Amino acid sequence: MGIIWTIIIGFVAGVIAKFIMPGNNEPSGFILTTILGIVGAFVATFLGQALGWYGPNQGAGLIGAVVGAIVVLAIYGFVAGRTRTTSL
């Protein structure tokens, strides 16, 4: 149930992160944004467990997942922006 809960929280976190961090470098598609939000939730869960903030079977909360999603969206925007400028 922990993985399903992380996916649901990640979905919501991706949508919230997109509203917090709109821009041209981030993915504009709803599906890609939610996938990156889910990845952000998994990243937040992994880092939280590694730092001892969460227990072994405990996932990131909504705030942690939103922060993770914002970080993943920022990294994606940086990489995608760099890829577009170097290919021209």
PDB file of N, CA and C in Angstrom:
ATOM      1  N   MET A   1       0.825  -1.196   0.000  1.00  0.00           N
ATOM      2  CA  MET A   1       0.000   0.000   0.000  1.00  0.00           C
ATOM      3  C   MET A   1       0.863   1.251   0.000  1.00  0.00           C
ATOM      4  N   GLY A   2       2.112   1.157   0.472  1.00  0.00           N
ATOM      5  CA  GLY A   2       2.989   2.317   0.542  1.00  0.00           C
ATOM      6  C   GLY A   2       3.332   2.880  -0.817  1.00  0.00           C
ATOM      7  N   ILE A   3       3.569   2.002  -1.800  1.00  0.00           N
ATOM      8  CA  ILE A   3       3.911   2.467  -3.142  1.00  0.00           C
ATOM      9  C   ILE A   3       2.711   3.137  -3.796  1.00  0.00           C
ATOM     10  N   ILE A   4       1.535   2.574  -3.614  1.00  0.00           N
ATOM     11  CA  ILE A   4       0.322   3.174  -4.189  1.00  0.00           C
ATOM     12  C   ILE A   4       0.078   4.546  -3.579  1.00  0.00           C
ATOM     13  N   TRP A   5       0.271   4.656  -2.264  1.00  0.00           N
ATOM     14  CA  TRP A   5       0.087   5.939  -1.594  1.00  0.00           C
ATOM     15  C   TRP A   5       1.105   6.963  -2.105  1.00  0.00           C
ATOM     16  N   THR A   6       2.340   6.550  -2.336  1.00  0.00           N
ATOM     17  CA  THR A   6       3.367   7.447  -2.869  1.00  0.00           C
ATOM     18  C   THR A   6       2.999   7.916  -4.268  1.00  0.00           C
ATOM     19  N   ILE A   7       2.425   7.032  -5.080  1.00  0.00           N
ATOM     20  CA  ILE A   7       1.999   7.408  -6.430  1.00  0.00           C
ATOM     21  C   ILE A   7       0.862   8.424  -6.372  1.00  0.00           C
ATOM     22  N   ILE A   8      -0.101   8.210  -5.491  1.00  0.00           N
ATOM     23  CA  ILE A   8      -1.221   9.141  -5.372  1.00  0.00           C
ATOM     24  C   ILE A   8      -0.733  10.504  -4.881  1.00  0.00           C
ATOM     25  N   ILE A   9       0.105  10.510  -3.849  1.00  0.00           N
ATOM     26  CA  ILE A   9       0.660  11.758  -3.337  1.00  0.00           C
ATOM     27  C   ILE A   9       1.516  12.433  -4.413  1.00  0.00           C
ATOM     28  N   GLY A  10       2.282  11.647  -5.156  1.00  0.00           N
ATOM     29  CA  GLY A  10       3.101  12.187  -6.231  1.00  0.00           C
ATOM     30  C   GLY A  10       2.287  12.822  -7.333  1.00  0.00           C
ATOM     31  N   PHE A  11       1.153  12.228  -7.646  1.00  0.00           N
ATOM     32  CA  PHE A  11       0.249  12.798  -8.641  1.00  0.00           C
ATOM     33  C   PHE A  11      -0.218  14.176  -8.200  1.00  0.00           C
ATOM     34  N   VAL A  12      -0.674  14.266  -6.966  1.00  0.00           N
ATOM     35  CA  VAL A  12      -1.150  15.544  -6.433  1.00  0.00           C
ATOM     36  C   VAL A  12       0.009  16.537  -6.333  1.00  0.00           C
ATOM     37  N   ALA A  13       1.175  16.059  -5.906  1.00  0.00           N
ATOM     38  CA  ALA A  13       2.347  16.925  -5.776  1.00  0.00           C
ATOM     39  C   ALA A  13       2.796  17.465  -7.127  1.00  0.00           C
ATOM     40  N   GLY A  14       2.715  16.666  -8.166  1.00  0.00           N
ATOM     41  CA  GLY A  14       3.079  17.129  -9.505  1.00  0.00           C
ATOM     42  C   GLY A  14       2.182  18.245  -9.983  1.00  0.00           C
ATOM     43  N   VAL A  15       0.901  18.122  -9.715  1.00  0.00           N
ATOM     44  CA  VAL A  15      -0.037  19.173 -10.107  1.00  0.00           C
ATOM     45  C   VAL A  15       0.236  20.450  -9.312  1.00  0.00           C
ATOM     46  N   ILE A  16       0.448  20.315  -8.006  1.00  0.00           N
ATOM     47  CA  ILE A  16       0.732  21.484  -7.167  1.00  0.00           C
ATOM     48  C   ILE A  16       2.054  22.126  -7.582  1.00  0.00           C
ATOM     49  N   ALA A  17       3.078  21.307  -7.841  1.00  0.00           N
ATOM     50  CA  ALA A  17       4.378  21.841  -8.243  1.00  0.00           C
ATOM     51  C   ALA A  17       4.289  22.587  -9.564  1.00  0.00           C
ATOM     52  N   LYS A  18       3.465  22.128 -10.474  1.00  0.00           N
ATOM     53  CA  LYS A  18       3.297  22.809 -11.756  1.00  0.00           C
ATOM     54  C   LYS A  18       2.659  24.173 -11.555  1.00  0.00           C
ATOM     55  N   PHE A  19       1.715  24.280 -10.608  1.00  0.00           N
ATOM     56  CA  PHE A  19       1.102  25.574 -10.327  1.00  0.00           C
ATOM     57  C   PHE A  19       2.069  26.504  -9.614  1.00  0.00           C
ATOM     58  N   ILE A  20       2.933  25.957  -8.772  1.00  0.00           N
ATOM     59  CA  ILE A  20       3.911  26.771  -8.054  1.00  0.00           C
ATOM     60  C   ILE A  20       5.023  27.227  -8.992  1.00  0.00           C
ATOM     61  N   MET A  21       5.415  26.366  -9.908  1.00  0.00           N
ATOM     62  CA  MET A  21       6.576  26.617 -10.752  1.00  0.00           C
ATOM     63  C   MET A  21       6.215  26.562 -12.233  1.00  0.00           C
ATOM     64  N   PRO A  22       5.357  27.457 -12.702  1.00  0.00           N
ATOM     65  CA  PRO A  22       5.038  27.448 -14.125  1.00  0.00           C
ATOM     66  C   PRO A  22       6.190  28.067 -14.916  1.00  0.00           C
ATOM     67  N   GLY A  23       6.289  27.717 -16.171  1.00  0.00           N
ATOM     68  CA  GLY A  23       7.348  28.283 -17.007  1.00  0.00           C
ATOM     69  C   GLY A  23       7.465  27.550 -18.317  1.00  0.00           C
ATOM     70  N   ASN A  24       8.316  28.068 -19.161  1.00  0.00           N
ATOM     71  CA  ASN A  24       8.483  27.481 -20.490  1.00  0.00           C
ATOM     72  C   ASN A  24       9.412  26.282 -20.488  1.00  0.00           C
ATOM     73  N   ASN A  25      10.328  26.185 -19.518  1.00  0.00           N
ATOM     74  CA  ASN A  25      11.291  25.084 -19.520  1.00  0.00           C
ATOM     75  C   ASN A  25      10.728  23.810 -18.940  1.00  0.00           C
ATOM     76  N   GLU A  26       9.676  23.898 -18.168  1.00  0.00           N
ATOM     77  CA  GLU A  26       9.102  22.719 -17.565  1.00  0.00           C
ATOM     78  C   GLU A  26       8.158  22.045 -18.559  1.00  0.00           C
ATOM     79  N   PRO A  27       7.883  20.780 -18.337  1.00  0.00           N
ATOM     80  CA  PRO A  27       6.977  20.086 -19.260  1.00  0.00           C
ATOM     81  C   PRO A  27       5.577  20.683 -19.182  1.00  0.00           C
ATOM     82  N   SER A  28       4.967  20.892 -20.338  1.00  0.00           N
ATOM     83  CA  SER A  28       3.652  21.509 -20.347  1.00  0.00           C
ATOM     84  C   SER A  28       2.528  20.482 -20.350  1.00  0.00           C
ATOM     85  N   GLY A  29       2.830  19.253 -20.637  1.00  0.00           N
ATOM     86  CA  GLY A  29       1.806  18.219 -20.670  1.00  0.00           C
ATOM     87  C   GLY A  29       1.415  17.759 -19.284  1.00  0.00           C
ATOM     88  N   PHE A  30       0.142  17.508 -19.114  1.00  0.00           N
ATOM     89  CA  PHE A  30      -0.384  17.100 -17.814  1.00  0.00           C
ATOM     90  C   PHE A  30       0.192  15.754 -17.386  1.00  0.00           C
ATOM     91  N   ILE A  31       0.280  14.822 -18.307  1.00  0.00           N
ATOM     92  CA  ILE A  31       0.765  13.481 -17.971  1.00  0.00           C
ATOM     93  C   ILE A  31       2.236  13.519 -17.590  1.00  0.00           C
ATOM     94  N   LEU A  32       3.049  14.238 -18.350  1.00  0.00           N
ATOM     95  CA  LEU A  32       4.473  14.321 -18.034  1.00  0.00           C
ATOM     96  C   LEU A  32       4.698  15.036 -16.703  1.00  0.00           C
ATOM     97  N   THR A  33       3.912  16.059 -16.427  1.00  0.00           N
ATOM     98  CA  THR A  33       4.023  16.766 -15.154  1.00  0.00           C
ATOM     99  C   THR A  33       3.690  15.854 -13.985  1.00  0.00           C
ATOM    100  N   THR A  34       2.641  15.061 -14.112  1.00  0.00           N
ATOM    101  CA  THR A  34       2.272  14.163 -13.021  1.00  0.00           C
ATOM    102  C   THR A  34       3.293  13.035 -12.863  1.00  0.00           C
ATOM    103  N   ILE A  35       3.866  12.566 -13.976  1.00  0.00           N
ATOM    104  CA  ILE A  35       4.906  11.541 -13.874  1.00  0.00           C
ATOM    105  C   ILE A  35       6.121  12.099 -13.143  1.00  0.00           C
ATOM    106  N   LEU A  36       6.509  13.321 -13.465  1.00  0.00           N
ATOM    107  CA  LEU A  36       7.626  13.938 -12.756  1.00  0.00           C
ATOM    108  C   LEU A  36       7.275  14.189 -11.290  1.00  0.00           C
ATOM    109  N   GLY A  37       6.018  14.460 -10.999  1.00  0.00           N
ATOM    110  CA  GLY A  37       5.586  14.598  -9.607  1.00  0.00           C
ATOM    111  C   GLY A  37       5.692  13.284  -8.855  1.00  0.00           C
ATOM    112  N   ILE A  38       5.328  12.198  -9.504  1.00  0.00           N
ATOM    113  CA  ILE A  38       5.453  10.879  -8.890  1.00  0.00           C
ATOM    114  C   ILE A  38       6.929  10.556  -8.657  1.00  0.00           C
ATOM    115  N   VAL A  39       7.780  10.873  -9.634  1.00  0.00           N
ATOM    116  CA  VAL A  39       9.215  10.672  -9.449  1.00  0.00           C
ATOM    117  C   VAL A  39       9.716  11.525  -8.284  1.00  0.00           C
ATOM    118  N   GLY A  40       9.224  12.760  -8.185  1.00  0.00           N
ATOM    119  CA  GLY A  40       9.601  13.628  -7.073  1.00  0.00           C
ATOM    120  C   GLY A  40       9.176  13.065  -5.729  1.00  0.00           C
ATOM    121  N   ALA A  41       8.016  12.435  -5.681  1.00  0.00           N
ATOM    122  CA  ALA A  41       7.558  11.815  -4.432  1.00  0.00           C
ATOM    123  C   ALA A  41       8.449  10.640  -4.056  1.00  0.00           C
ATOM    124  N   PHE A  42       8.855   9.845  -5.044  1.00  0.00           N
ATOM    125  CA  PHE A  42       9.774   8.740  -4.761  1.00  0.00           C
ATOM    126  C   PHE A  42      11.137   9.257  -4.314  1.00  0.00           C
ATOM    127  N   VAL A  43      11.606  10.335  -4.938  1.00  0.00           N
ATOM    128  CA  VAL A  43      12.880  10.936  -4.538  1.00  0.00           C
ATOM    129  C   VAL A  43      12.786  11.453  -3.107  1.00  0.00           C
ATOM    130  N   ALA A  44      11.692  12.146  -2.788  1.00  0.00           N
ATOM    131  CA  ALA A  44      11.508  12.668  -1.429  1.00  0.00           C
ATOM    132  C   ALA A  44      11.415  11.528  -0.414  1.00  0.00           C
ATOM    133  N   THR A  45      10.747  10.452  -0.770  1.00  0.00           N
ATOM    134  CA  THR A  45      10.658   9.293   0.122  1.00  0.00           C
ATOM    135  C   THR A  45      12.033   8.673   0.342  1.00  0.00           C
ATOM    136  N   PHE A  46      12.786   8.499  -0.733  1.00  0.00           N
ATOM    137  CA  PHE A  46      14.118   7.901  -0.622  1.00  0.00           C
ATOM    138  C   PHE A  46      15.043   8.780   0.224  1.00  0.00           C
ATOM    139  N   LEU A  47      15.066  10.082  -0.069  1.00  0.00           N
ATOM    140  CA  LEU A  47      15.939  10.971   0.690  1.00  0.00           C
ATOM    141  C   LEU A  47      15.499  11.086   2.143  1.00  0.00           C
ATOM    142  N   GLY A  48      14.189  11.121   2.377  1.00  0.00           N
ATOM    143  CA  GLY A  48      13.691  11.185   3.747  1.00  0.00           C
ATOM    144  C   GLY A  48      14.052   9.951   4.553  1.00  0.00           C
ATOM    145  N   GLN A  49      13.977   8.785   3.936  1.00  0.00           N
ATOM    146  CA  GLN A  49      14.366   7.556   4.617  1.00  0.00           C
ATOM    147  C   GLN A  49      15.870   7.506   4.827  1.00  0.00           C
ATOM    148  N   ALA A  50      16.644   8.003   3.864  1.00  0.00           N
ATOM    149  CA  ALA A  50      18.101   8.001   3.997  1.00  0.00           C
ATOM    150  C   ALA A  50      18.560   8.954   5.100  1.00  0.00           C
ATOM    151  N   LEU A  51      17.843  10.065   5.265  1.00  0.00           N
ATOM    152  CA  LEU A  51      18.205  11.042   6.288  1.00  0.00           C
ATOM    153  C   LEU A  51      17.586  10.730   7.649  1.00  0.00           C
ATOM    154  N   GLY A  52      16.731   9.724   7.689  1.00  0.00           N
ATOM    155  CA  GLY A  52      16.117   9.326   8.948  1.00  0.00           C
ATOM    156  C   GLY A  52      14.851  10.089   9.299  1.00  0.00           C
ATOM    157  N   TRP A  53      14.318  10.849   8.345  1.00  0.00           N
ATOM    158  CA  TRP A  53      13.075  11.592   8.595  1.00  0.00           C
ATOM    159  C   TRP A  53      11.859  10.678   8.552  1.00  0.00           C
ATOM    160  N   TYR A  54      11.926   9.633   7.733  1.00  0.00           N
ATOM    161  CA  TYR A  54      10.831   8.687   7.589  1.00  0.00           C
ATOM    162  C   TYR A  54      11.319   7.298   7.977  1.00  0.00           C
ATOM    163  N   GLY A  55      10.384   6.474   8.420  1.00  0.00           N
ATOM    164  CA  GLY A  55      10.706   5.096   8.754  1.00  0.00           C
ATOM    165  C   GLY A  55      10.854   4.254   7.502  1.00  0.00           C
ATOM    166  N   PRO A  56      11.234   2.975   7.659  1.00  0.00           N
ATOM    167  CA  PRO A  56      11.457   2.104   6.501  1.00  0.00           C
ATOM    168  C   PRO A  56      10.220   1.922   5.619  1.00  0.00           C
ATOM    169  N   ASN A  57       9.040   1.862   6.194  1.00  0.00           N
ATOM    170  CA  ASN A  57       7.820   1.662   5.405  1.00  0.00           C
ATOM    171  C   ASN A  57       6.980   2.927   5.310  1.00  0.00           C
ATOM    172  N   GLN A  58       7.583   4.061   5.583  1.00  0.00           N
ATOM    173  CA  GLN A  58       6.860   5.328   5.600  1.00  0.00           C
ATOM    174  C   GLN A  58       7.261   6.149   4.381  1.00  0.00           C
ATOM    175  N   GLY A  59       6.283   6.725   3.713  1.00  0.00           N
ATOM    176  CA  GLY A  59       6.548   7.539   2.537  1.00  0.00           C
ATOM    177  C   GLY A  59       6.551   9.010   2.868  1.00  0.00           C
ATOM    178  N   ALA A  60       6.953   9.791   1.901  1.00  0.00           N
ATOM    179  CA  ALA A  60       6.982  11.242   2.071  1.00  0.00           C
ATOM    180  C   ALA A  60       5.560  11.771   2.162  1.00  0.00           C
ATOM    181  N   GLY A  61       5.391  12.797   2.929  1.00  0.00           N
ATOM    182  CA  GLY A  61       4.099  13.470   3.024  1.00  0.00           C
ATOM    183  C   GLY A  61       3.906  14.390   1.831  1.00  0.00           C
ATOM    184  N   LEU A  62       2.813  15.094   1.842  1.00  0.00           N
ATOM    185  CA  LEU A  62       2.476  15.954   0.707  1.00  0.00           C
ATOM    186  C   LEU A  62       3.502  17.070   0.541  1.00  0.00           C
ATOM    187  N   ILE A  63       3.918  17.695   1.626  1.00  0.00           N
ATOM    188  CA  ILE A  63       4.870  18.799   1.521  1.00  0.00           C
ATOM    189  C   ILE A  63       6.212  18.294   0.993  1.00  0.00           C
ATOM    190  N   GLY A  64       6.690  17.178   1.516  1.00  0.00           N
ATOM    191  CA  GLY A  64       7.939  16.604   1.031  1.00  0.00           C
ATOM    192  C   GLY A  64       7.846  16.211  -0.430  1.00  0.00           C
ATOM    193  N   ALA A  65       6.710  15.664  -0.828  1.00  0.00           N
ATOM    194  CA  ALA A  65       6.524  15.264  -2.220  1.00  0.00           C
ATOM    195  C   ALA A  65       6.474  16.479  -3.140  1.00  0.00           C
ATOM    196  N   VAL A  66       5.850  17.563  -2.682  1.00  0.00           N
ATOM    197  CA  VAL A  66       5.807  18.785  -3.494  1.00  0.00           C
ATOM    198  C   VAL A  66       7.217  19.344  -3.661  1.00  0.00           C
ATOM    199  N   VAL A  67       7.988  19.372  -2.580  1.00  0.00           N
ATOM    200  CA  VAL A  67       9.373  19.851  -2.673  1.00  0.00           C
ATOM    201  C   VAL A  67      10.177  18.951  -3.613  1.00  0.00           C
ATOM    202  N   GLY A  68      10.013  17.649  -3.487  1.00  0.00           N
ATOM    203  CA  GLY A  68      10.697  16.725  -4.386  1.00  0.00           C
ATOM    204  C   GLY A  68      10.285  16.924  -5.839  1.00  0.00           C
ATOM    205  N   ALA A  69       8.998  17.167  -6.066  1.00  0.00           N
ATOM    206  CA  ALA A  69       8.512  17.384  -7.426  1.00  0.00           C
ATOM    207  C   ALA A  69       9.049  18.689  -8.002  1.00  0.00           C
ATOM    208  N   ILE A  70       9.148  19.723  -7.169  1.00  0.00           N
ATOM    209  CA  ILE A  70       9.703  20.992  -7.637  1.00  0.00           C
ATOM    210  C   ILE A  70      11.169  20.813  -8.016  1.00  0.00           C
ATOM    211  N   VAL A  71      11.902  20.065  -7.207  1.00  0.00           N
ATOM    212  CA  VAL A  71      13.315  19.807  -7.518  1.00  0.00           C
ATOM    213  C   VAL A  71      13.436  19.032  -8.834  1.00  0.00           C
ATOM    214  N   VAL A  72      12.627  18.010  -8.999  1.00  0.00           N
ATOM    215  CA  VAL A  72      12.679  17.210 -10.233  1.00  0.00           C
ATOM    216  C   VAL A  72      12.256  18.059 -11.425  1.00  0.00           C
ATOM    217  N   LEU A  73      11.228  18.905 -11.284  1.00  0.00           N
ATOM    218  CA  LEU A  73      10.809  19.780 -12.376  1.00  0.00           C
ATOM    219  C   LEU A  73      11.904  20.782 -12.720  1.00  0.00           C
ATOM    220  N   ALA A  74      12.593  21.305 -11.713  1.00  0.00           N
ATOM    221  CA  ALA A  74      13.673  22.255 -11.967  1.00  0.00           C
ATOM    222  C   ALA A  74      14.825  21.582 -12.706  1.00  0.00           C
ATOM    223  N   ILE A  75      15.184  20.385 -12.270  1.00  0.00           N
ATOM    224  CA  ILE A  75      16.257  19.646 -12.949  1.00  0.00           C
ATOM    225  C   ILE A  75      15.846  19.320 -14.383  1.00  0.00           C
ATOM    226  N   TYR A  76      14.604  18.886 -14.563  1.00  0.00           N
ATOM    227  CA  TYR A  76      14.122  18.575 -15.905  1.00  0.00           C
ATOM    228  C   TYR A  76      14.144  19.820 -16.781  1.00  0.00           C
ATOM    229  N   GLY A  77      13.695  20.954 -16.225  1.00  0.00           N
ATOM    230  CA  GLY A  77      13.707  22.203 -16.990  1.00  0.00           C
ATOM    231  C   GLY A  77      15.110  22.624 -17.368  1.00  0.00           C
ATOM    232  N   PHE A  78      16.059  22.440 -16.462  1.00  0.00           N
ATOM    233  CA  PHE A  78      17.448  22.784 -16.750  1.00  0.00           C
ATOM    234  C   PHE A  78      18.021  21.890 -17.838  1.00  0.00           C
ATOM    235  N   VAL A  79      17.796  20.598 -17.716  1.00  0.00           N
ATOM    236  CA  VAL A  79      18.327  19.648 -18.704  1.00  0.00           C
ATOM    237  C   VAL A  79      17.636  19.838 -20.052  1.00  0.00           C
ATOM    238  N   ALA A  80      16.330  19.991 -20.057  1.00  0.00           N
ATOM    239  CA  ALA A  80      15.599  20.165 -21.310  1.00  0.00           C
ATOM    240  C   ALA A  80      15.961  21.491 -21.963  1.00  0.00           C
ATOM    241  N   GLY A  81      16.150  22.530 -21.160  1.00  0.00           N
ATOM    242  CA  GLY A  81      16.543  23.820 -21.711  1.00  0.00           C
ATOM    243  C   GLY A  81      17.938  23.776 -22.297  1.00  0.00           C
ATOM    244  N   ARG A  82      18.826  23.080 -21.635  1.00  0.00           N
ATOM    245  CA  ARG A  82      20.203  22.962 -22.123  1.00  0.00           C
ATOM    246  C   ARG A  82      20.231  22.129 -23.405  1.00  0.00           C
ATOM    247  N   THR A  83      19.398  21.099 -23.473  1.00  0.00           N
ATOM    248  CA  THR A  83      19.358  20.251 -24.657  1.00  0.00           C
ATOM    249  C   THR A  83      18.831  21.031 -25.856  1.00  0.00           C
ATOM    250  N   ARG A  84      17.802  21.833 -25.626  1.00  0.00           N
ATOM    251  CA  ARG A  84      17.229  22.613 -26.736  1.00  0.00           C
ATOM    252  C   ARG A  84      18.209  23.656 -27.246  1.00  0.00           C
ATOM    253  N   THR A  85      18.953  24.317 -26.362  1.00  0.00           N
ATOM    254  CA  THR A  85      19.857  25.377 -26.812  1.00  0.00           C
ATOM    255  C   THR A  85      21.097  24.824 -27.492  1.00  0.00           C
ATOM    256  N   THR A  86      21.548  23.648 -27.096  1.00  0.00           N
ATOM    257  CA  THR A  86      22.740  23.090 -27.727  1.00  0.00           C
ATOM    258  C   THR A  86      22.435  22.434 -29.062  1.00  0.00           C
ATOM    259  N   SER A  87      21.191  22.073 -29.307  1.00  0.00           N
ATOM    260  CA  SER A  87      20.859  21.414 -30.562  1.00  0.00           C
ATOM    261  C   SER A  87      20.590  22.413 -31.678  1.00  0.00           C
ATOM    262  N   LEU A  88      20.490  23.679 -31.357  1.00  0.00           N
ATOM    263  CA  LEU A  88      20.232  24.681 -32.403  1.00  0.00           C
ATOM    264  C   LEU A  88      21.462  25.058 -33.060  1.00  0.00           C
TER     265      LEU A  88
END
